[in-house]
Full PDB file with SEQRES, HELIX, SHEET, SSBOND, CRYST1, ORIGX, SCALE, CONECT and MASTER records, all heavy atoms in Angstrom:
SEQRES   1 A   31  TRP ASP GLY GLU ALA VAL ALA LEU VAL GLY PRO ASN GLY          
SEQRES   2 A   31  ALA GLY LYS SER THR LEU LEU ALA LEU LEU ALA GLY ALA          
SEQRES   3 A   31  LEU GLU ALA SER VAL                                          
HELIX    1 AA1 LYS A   16  ALA A   24  1                                   9    
CRYST1    1.000    1.000    1.000  90.00  90.00  90.00 P 1           1          
ORIGX1      1.000000  0.000000  0.000000        0.00000                         
ORIGX2      0.000000  1.000000  0.000000        0.00000                         
ORIGX3      0.000000  0.000000  1.000000        0.00000                         
SCALE1      1.000000  0.000000  0.000000        0.00000                         
SCALE2      0.000000  1.000000  0.000000        0.00000                         
SCALE3      0.000000  0.000000  1.000000        0.00000                         
ATOM      1  N   TRP A   1     -13.187  23.787 -39.594  1.00  0.00           N  
ATOM      2  CA  TRP A   1     -12.602  22.467 -39.378  1.00  0.00           C  
ATOM      3  C   TRP A   1     -12.793  22.003 -37.939  1.00  0.00           C  
ATOM      4  O   TRP A   1     -13.124  22.787 -37.061  1.00  0.00           O  
ATOM      5  CB  TRP A   1     -11.115  22.484 -39.739  1.00  0.00           C  
ATOM      6  CG  TRP A   1     -10.867  22.669 -41.199  1.00  0.00           C  
ATOM      7  CD1 TRP A   1     -10.761  23.843 -41.869  1.00  0.00           C  
ATOM      8  CD2 TRP A   1     -10.748  21.634 -42.172  1.00  0.00           C  
ATOM      9  NE1 TRP A   1     -10.571  23.613 -43.214  1.00  0.00           N  
ATOM     10  CE2 TRP A   1     -10.550  22.259 -43.423  1.00  0.00           C  
ATOM     11  CE3 TRP A   1     -10.775  20.248 -42.108  1.00  0.00           C  
ATOM     12  CZ2 TRP A   1     -10.392  21.536 -44.602  1.00  0.00           C  
ATOM     13  CZ3 TRP A   1     -10.595  19.528 -43.291  1.00  0.00           C  
ATOM     14  CH2 TRP A   1     -10.414  20.171 -44.511  1.00  0.00           C  
ATOM     15  N   ASP A   2     -12.554  20.733 -37.725  1.00  0.00           N  
ATOM     16  CA  ASP A   2     -12.720  20.098 -36.422  1.00  0.00           C  
ATOM     17  C   ASP A   2     -11.937  20.833 -35.344  1.00  0.00           C  
ATOM     18  O   ASP A   2     -10.757  21.140 -35.520  1.00  0.00           O  
ATOM     19  CB  ASP A   2     -12.233  18.648 -36.470  1.00  0.00           C  
ATOM     20  CG  ASP A   2     -12.778  17.875 -37.657  1.00  0.00           C  
ATOM     21  OD1 ASP A   2     -12.450  18.247 -38.803  1.00  0.00           O  
ATOM     22  OD2 ASP A   2     -13.535  16.912 -37.449  1.00  0.00           O  
ATOM     23  N   GLY A   3     -12.605  21.102 -34.219  1.00  0.00           N  
ATOM     24  CA  GLY A   3     -11.939  21.656 -33.053  1.00  0.00           C  
ATOM     25  C   GLY A   3     -11.672  23.142 -33.102  1.00  0.00           C  
ATOM     26  O   GLY A   3     -11.042  23.679 -32.193  1.00  0.00           O  
ATOM     27  N   GLU A   4     -12.159  23.837 -34.130  1.00  0.00           N  
ATOM     28  CA  GLU A   4     -11.861  25.254 -34.294  1.00  0.00           C  
ATOM     29  C   GLU A   4     -12.859  26.158 -33.564  1.00  0.00           C  
ATOM     30  O   GLU A   4     -14.007  25.787 -33.331  1.00  0.00           O  
ATOM     31  CB  GLU A   4     -11.894  25.643 -35.771  1.00  0.00           C  
ATOM     32  CG  GLU A   4     -10.683  25.228 -36.552  1.00  0.00           C  
ATOM     33  CD  GLU A   4     -10.638  25.943 -37.891  1.00  0.00           C  
ATOM     34  OE1 GLU A   4     -11.677  25.998 -38.583  1.00  0.00           O  
ATOM     35  OE2 GLU A   4      -9.557  26.449 -38.238  1.00  0.00           O  
ATOM     36  N   ALA A   5     -12.395  27.364 -33.262  1.00  0.00           N  
ATOM     37  CA  ALA A   5     -13.265  28.453 -32.822  1.00  0.00           C  
ATOM     38  C   ALA A   5     -12.975  29.642 -33.725  1.00  0.00           C  
ATOM     39  O   ALA A   5     -11.854  30.156 -33.736  1.00  0.00           O  
ATOM     40  CB  ALA A   5     -13.008  28.814 -31.367  1.00  0.00           C  
ATOM     41  N   VAL A   6     -13.970  30.042 -34.494  1.00  0.00           N  
ATOM     42  CA  VAL A   6     -13.820  31.128 -35.462  1.00  0.00           C  
ATOM     43  C   VAL A   6     -14.698  32.289 -35.028  1.00  0.00           C  
ATOM     44  O   VAL A   6     -15.908  32.123 -34.859  1.00  0.00           O  
ATOM     45  CB  VAL A   6     -14.197  30.672 -36.880  1.00  0.00           C  
ATOM     46  CG1 VAL A   6     -14.043  31.825 -37.872  1.00  0.00           C  
ATOM     47  CG2 VAL A   6     -13.357  29.472 -37.305  1.00  0.00           C  
ATOM     48  N   ALA A   7     -14.094  33.444 -34.843  1.00  0.00           N  
ATOM     49  CA  ALA A   7     -14.829  34.644 -34.450  1.00  0.00           C  
ATOM     50  C   ALA A   7     -15.145  35.480 -35.685  1.00  0.00           C  
ATOM     51  O   ALA A   7     -14.253  35.754 -36.498  1.00  0.00           O  
ATOM     52  CB  ALA A   7     -14.017  35.470 -33.458  1.00  0.00           C  
ATOM     53  N   LEU A   8     -16.402  35.877 -35.824  1.00  0.00           N  
ATOM     54  CA  LEU A   8     -16.805  36.814 -36.865  1.00  0.00           C  
ATOM     55  C   LEU A   8     -16.826  38.208 -36.254  1.00  0.00           C  
ATOM     56  O   LEU A   8     -17.534  38.449 -35.272  1.00  0.00           O  
ATOM     57  CB  LEU A   8     -18.194  36.469 -37.400  1.00  0.00           C  
ATOM     58  CG  LEU A   8     -18.396  35.075 -37.991  1.00  0.00           C  
ATOM     59  CD1 LEU A   8     -19.804  34.962 -38.573  1.00  0.00           C  
ATOM     60  CD2 LEU A   8     -17.354  34.766 -39.056  1.00  0.00           C  
ATOM     61  N   VAL A   9     -16.044  39.104 -36.811  1.00  0.00           N  
ATOM     62  CA  VAL A   9     -15.976  40.465 -36.295  1.00  0.00           C  
ATOM     63  C   VAL A   9     -16.293  41.446 -37.407  1.00  0.00           C  
ATOM     64  O   VAL A   9     -16.178  41.128 -38.593  1.00  0.00           O  
ATOM     65  CB  VAL A   9     -14.589  40.785 -35.681  1.00  0.00           C  
ATOM     66  CG1 VAL A   9     -14.258  39.832 -34.545  1.00  0.00           C  
ATOM     67  CG2 VAL A   9     -13.492  40.738 -36.752  1.00  0.00           C  
ATOM     68  N   GLY A  10     -16.696  42.646 -37.004  1.00  0.00           N  
ATOM     69  CA  GLY A  10     -17.024  43.689 -37.947  1.00  0.00           C  
ATOM     70  C   GLY A  10     -18.129  44.558 -37.389  1.00  0.00           C  
ATOM     71  O   GLY A  10     -18.802  44.182 -36.429  1.00  0.00           O  
ATOM     72  N   PRO A  11     -18.343  45.721 -37.964  1.00  0.00           N  
ATOM     73  CA  PRO A  11     -19.374  46.640 -37.464  1.00  0.00           C  
ATOM     74  C   PRO A  11     -20.771  46.092 -37.704  1.00  0.00           C  
ATOM     75  O   PRO A  11     -20.959  45.132 -38.468  1.00  0.00           O  
ATOM     76  CB  PRO A  11     -19.132  47.919 -38.275  1.00  0.00           C  
ATOM     77  CG  PRO A  11     -18.459  47.441 -39.529  1.00  0.00           C  
ATOM     78  CD  PRO A  11     -17.618  46.272 -39.121  1.00  0.00           C  
ATOM     79  N   ASN A  12     -21.758  46.685 -37.052  1.00  0.00           N  
ATOM     80  CA  ASN A  12     -23.146  46.306 -37.299  1.00  0.00           C  
ATOM     81  C   ASN A  12     -23.470  46.483 -38.779  1.00  0.00           C  
ATOM     82  O   ASN A  12     -23.070  47.473 -39.411  1.00  0.00           O  
ATOM     83  CB  ASN A  12     -24.092  47.176 -36.459  1.00  0.00           C  
ATOM     84  CG  ASN A  12     -23.976  46.875 -34.976  1.00  0.00           C  
ATOM     85  OD1 ASN A  12     -23.602  45.776 -34.583  1.00  0.00           O  
ATOM     86  ND2 ASN A  12     -24.303  47.853 -34.148  1.00  0.00           N  
ATOM     87  N   GLY A  13     -24.178  45.498 -39.337  1.00  0.00           N  
ATOM     88  CA  GLY A  13     -24.532  45.561 -40.736  1.00  0.00           C  
ATOM     89  C   GLY A  13     -23.460  45.066 -41.681  1.00  0.00           C  
ATOM     90  O   GLY A  13     -23.615  45.165 -42.905  1.00  0.00           O  
ATOM     91  N   ALA A  14     -22.395  44.487 -41.136  1.00  0.00           N  
ATOM     92  CA  ALA A  14     -21.286  44.030 -41.983  1.00  0.00           C  
ATOM     93  C   ALA A  14     -21.591  42.731 -42.712  1.00  0.00           C  
ATOM     94  O   ALA A  14     -20.918  42.386 -43.682  1.00  0.00           O  
ATOM     95  CB  ALA A  14     -20.022  43.861 -41.141  1.00  0.00           C  
ATOM     96  N   GLY A  15     -22.582  41.967 -42.229  1.00  0.00           N  
ATOM     97  CA  GLY A  15     -22.924  40.700 -42.849  1.00  0.00           C  
ATOM     98  C   GLY A  15     -22.691  39.485 -41.976  1.00  0.00           C  
ATOM     99  O   GLY A  15     -22.841  38.346 -42.424  1.00  0.00           O  
ATOM    100  N   LYS A  16     -22.340  39.706 -40.702  1.00  0.00           N  
ATOM    101  CA  LYS A  16     -22.035  38.580 -39.802  1.00  0.00           C  
ATOM    102  C   LYS A  16     -23.261  37.680 -39.605  1.00  0.00           C  
ATOM    103  O   LYS A  16     -23.166  36.458 -39.726  1.00  0.00           O  
ATOM    104  CB  LYS A  16     -21.546  39.105 -38.446  1.00  0.00           C  
ATOM    105  CG  LYS A  16     -20.322  40.008 -38.527  1.00  0.00           C  
ATOM    106  CD  LYS A  16     -19.792  40.381 -37.155  1.00  0.00           C  
ATOM    107  CE  LYS A  16     -20.785  41.163 -36.297  1.00  0.00           C  
ATOM    108  NZ  LYS A  16     -21.110  42.496 -36.868  1.00  0.00           N  
ATOM    109  N   SER A  17     -24.404  38.287 -39.299  1.00  0.00           N  
ATOM    110  CA  SER A  17     -25.614  37.491 -39.061  1.00  0.00           C  
ATOM    111  C   SER A  17     -26.067  36.783 -40.331  1.00  0.00           C  
ATOM    112  O   SER A  17     -26.544  35.634 -40.278  1.00  0.00           O  
ATOM    113  CB  SER A  17     -26.737  38.383 -38.530  1.00  0.00           C  
ATOM    114  OG  SER A  17     -26.414  38.900 -37.251  1.00  0.00           O  
ATOM    115  N   THR A  18     -25.919  37.440 -41.468  1.00  0.00           N  
ATOM    116  CA  THR A  18     -26.293  36.808 -42.730  1.00  0.00           C  
ATOM    117  C   THR A  18     -25.425  35.591 -43.001  1.00  0.00           C  
ATOM    118  O   THR A  18     -25.924  34.530 -43.407  1.00  0.00           O  
ATOM    119  CB  THR A  18     -26.164  37.815 -43.883  1.00  0.00           C  
ATOM    120  OG1 THR A  18     -27.024  38.938 -43.634  1.00  0.00           O  
ATOM    121  CG2 THR A  18     -26.557  37.183 -45.207  1.00  0.00           C  
ATOM    122  N   LEU A  19     -24.123  35.712 -42.753  1.00  0.00           N  
ATOM    123  CA  LEU A  19     -23.224  34.576 -42.964  1.00  0.00           C  
ATOM    124  C   LEU A  19     -23.583  33.423 -42.038  1.00  0.00           C  
ATOM    125  O   LEU A  19     -23.630  32.261 -42.472  1.00  0.00           O  
ATOM    126  CB  LEU A  19     -21.771  35.009 -42.748  1.00  0.00           C  
ATOM    127  CG  LEU A  19     -20.707  33.906 -42.858  1.00  0.00           C  
ATOM    128  CD1 LEU A  19     -20.804  33.171 -44.181  1.00  0.00           C  
ATOM    129  CD2 LEU A  19     -19.310  34.499 -42.660  1.00  0.00           C  
ATOM    130  N   LEU A  20     -23.864  33.706 -40.777  1.00  0.00           N  
ATOM    131  CA  LEU A  20     -24.243  32.640 -39.845  1.00  0.00           C  
ATOM    132  C   LEU A  20     -25.542  31.964 -40.284  1.00  0.00           C  
ATOM    133  O   LEU A  20     -25.670  30.740 -40.202  1.00  0.00           O  
ATOM    134  CB  LEU A  20     -24.390  33.211 -38.429  1.00  0.00           C  
ATOM    135  CG  LEU A  20     -23.086  33.514 -37.694  1.00  0.00           C  
ATOM    136  CD1 LEU A  20     -23.383  34.237 -36.384  1.00  0.00           C  
ATOM    137  CD2 LEU A  20     -22.299  32.245 -37.409  1.00  0.00           C  
ATOM    138  N   ALA A  21     -26.513  32.759 -40.741  1.00  0.00           N  
ATOM    139  CA  ALA A  21     -27.779  32.184 -41.181  1.00  0.00           C  
ATOM    140  C   ALA A  21     -27.589  31.299 -42.412  1.00  0.00           C  
ATOM    141  O   ALA A  21     -28.251  30.258 -42.556  1.00  0.00           O  
ATOM    142  CB  ALA A  21     -28.793  33.292 -41.471  1.00  0.00           C  
ATOM    143  N   LEU A  22     -26.683  31.688 -43.313  1.00  0.00           N  
ATOM    144  CA  LEU A  22     -26.374  30.836 -44.462  1.00  0.00           C  
ATOM    145  C   LEU A  22     -25.730  29.533 -44.016  1.00  0.00           C  
ATOM    146  O   LEU A  22     -26.099  28.445 -44.476  1.00  0.00           O  
ATOM    147  CB  LEU A  22     -25.441  31.569 -45.424  1.00  0.00           C  
ATOM    148  CG  LEU A  22     -26.021  32.736 -46.226  1.00  0.00           C  
ATOM    149  CD1 LEU A  22     -24.914  33.405 -47.041  1.00  0.00           C  
ATOM    150  CD2 LEU A  22     -27.141  32.291 -47.142  1.00  0.00           C  
ATOM    151  N   LEU A  23     -24.754  29.627 -43.121  1.00  0.00           N  
ATOM    152  CA  LEU A  23     -24.081  28.426 -42.622  1.00  0.00           C  
ATOM    153  C   LEU A  23     -25.058  27.493 -41.914  1.00  0.00           C  
ATOM    154  O   LEU A  23     -24.922  26.266 -41.975  1.00  0.00           O  
ATOM    155  CB  LEU A  23     -22.938  28.815 -41.682  1.00  0.00           C  
ATOM    156  CG  LEU A  23     -21.734  29.508 -42.327  1.00  0.00           C  
ATOM    157  CD1 LEU A  23     -20.792  30.041 -41.251  1.00  0.00           C  
ATOM    158  CD2 LEU A  23     -20.983  28.559 -43.262  1.00  0.00           C  
ATOM    159  N   ALA A  24     -26.045  28.096 -41.219  1.00  0.00           N  
ATOM    160  CA  ALA A  24     -27.029  27.298 -40.490  1.00  0.00           C  
ATOM    161  C   ALA A  24     -28.073  26.672 -41.399  1.00  0.00           C  
ATOM    162  O   ALA A  24     -28.796  25.754 -40.982  1.00  0.00           O  
ATOM    163  CB  ALA A  24     -27.728  28.181 -39.447  1.00  0.00           C  
ATOM    164  N   GLY A  25     -28.178  27.164 -42.625  1.00  0.00           N  
ATOM    165  CA  GLY A  25     -29.218  26.680 -43.520  1.00  0.00           C  
ATOM    166  C   GLY A  25     -30.541  27.394 -43.333  1.00  0.00           C  
ATOM    167  O   GLY A  25     -31.551  26.994 -43.915  1.00  0.00           O  
ATOM    168  N   ALA A  26     -30.550  28.459 -42.528  1.00  0.00           N  
ATOM    169  CA  ALA A  26     -31.778  29.220 -42.304  1.00  0.00           C  
ATOM    170  C   ALA A  26     -32.061  30.163 -43.470  1.00  0.00           C  
ATOM    171  O   ALA A  26     -33.206  30.583 -43.666  1.00  0.00           O  
ATOM    172  CB  ALA A  26     -31.669  30.021 -41.010  1.00  0.00           C  
ATOM    173  N   LEU A  27     -31.032  30.518 -44.236  1.00  0.00           N  
ATOM    174  CA  LEU A  27     -31.157  31.297 -45.461  1.00  0.00           C  
ATOM    175  C   LEU A  27     -30.514  30.521 -46.596  1.00  0.00           C  
ATOM    176  O   LEU A  27     -29.525  29.813 -46.384  1.00  0.00           O  
ATOM    177  CB  LEU A  27     -30.453  32.656 -45.336  1.00  0.00           C  
ATOM    178  CG  LEU A  27     -31.123  33.781 -44.560  1.00  0.00           C  
ATOM    179  CD1 LEU A  27     -30.202  34.996 -44.526  1.00  0.00           C  
ATOM    180  CD2 LEU A  27     -32.467  34.160 -45.161  1.00  0.00           C  
ATOM    181  N   GLU A  28     -31.071  30.657 -47.790  1.00  0.00           N  
ATOM    182  CA  GLU A  28     -30.449  30.071 -48.969  1.00  0.00           C  
ATOM    183  C   GLU A  28     -29.495  31.078 -49.592  1.00  0.00           C  
ATOM    184  O   GLU A  28     -29.774  32.278 -49.616  1.00  0.00           O  
ATOM    185  CB  GLU A  28     -31.511  29.661 -49.987  1.00  0.00           C  
ATOM    186  CG  GLU A  28     -32.356  28.476 -49.550  1.00  0.00           C  
ATOM    187  CD  GLU A  28     -33.250  27.984 -50.677  1.00  0.00           C  
ATOM    188  OE1 GLU A  28     -33.102  28.485 -51.822  1.00  0.00           O  
ATOM    189  OE2 GLU A  28     -34.090  27.122 -50.409  1.00  0.00           O  
ATOM    190  N   ALA A  29     -28.390  30.586 -50.079  1.00  0.00           N  
ATOM    191  CA  ALA A  29     -27.432  31.457 -50.748  1.00  0.00           C  
ATOM    192  C   ALA A  29     -27.991  31.911 -52.090  1.00  0.00           C  
ATOM    193  O   ALA A  29     -28.554  31.108 -52.844  1.00  0.00           O  
ATOM    194  CB  ALA A  29     -26.109  30.729 -50.942  1.00  0.00           C  
ATOM    195  N   SER A  30     -27.852  33.206 -52.390  1.00  0.00           N  
ATOM    196  CA  SER A  30     -28.241  33.717 -53.705  1.00  0.00           C  
ATOM    197  C   SER A  30     -27.227  33.308 -54.760  1.00  0.00           C  
ATOM    198  O   SER A  30     -27.564  33.120 -55.934  1.00  0.00           O  
ATOM    199  CB  SER A  30     -28.362  35.247 -53.662  1.00  0.00           C  
ATOM    200  OG  SER A  30     -29.299  35.662 -52.693  1.00  0.00           O  
ATOM    201  N   VAL A  31     -25.969  33.195 -54.347  1.00  0.00           N  
ATOM    202  CA  VAL A  31     -24.902  32.694 -55.210  1.00  0.00           C  
ATOM    203  C   VAL A  31     -24.056  31.735 -54.383  1.00  0.00           C  
ATOM    204  O   VAL A  31     -24.030  31.809 -53.156  1.00  0.00           O  
ATOM    205  CB  VAL A  31     -24.011  33.833 -55.767  1.00  0.00           C  
ATOM    206  CG1 VAL A  31     -24.811  34.746 -56.668  1.00  0.00           C  
ATOM    207  CG2 VAL A  31     -23.360  34.624 -54.638  1.00  0.00           C  
TER     208      VAL A  31                                                      
MASTER        0    0    0    1    0    0    0    6  207    1    0    3          
END                                                                             
C-alpha cells in the first residue's frame, strides 16, 4: 500500500528474490 516499507526476511533460498521478480514482472507466476 501507499507509503509502506515492507522487508522480506528469511534464509538464503527462501524465495525472497523470486517474490521480488514476480512483483517486478520479470518472472511470470506459475499460479
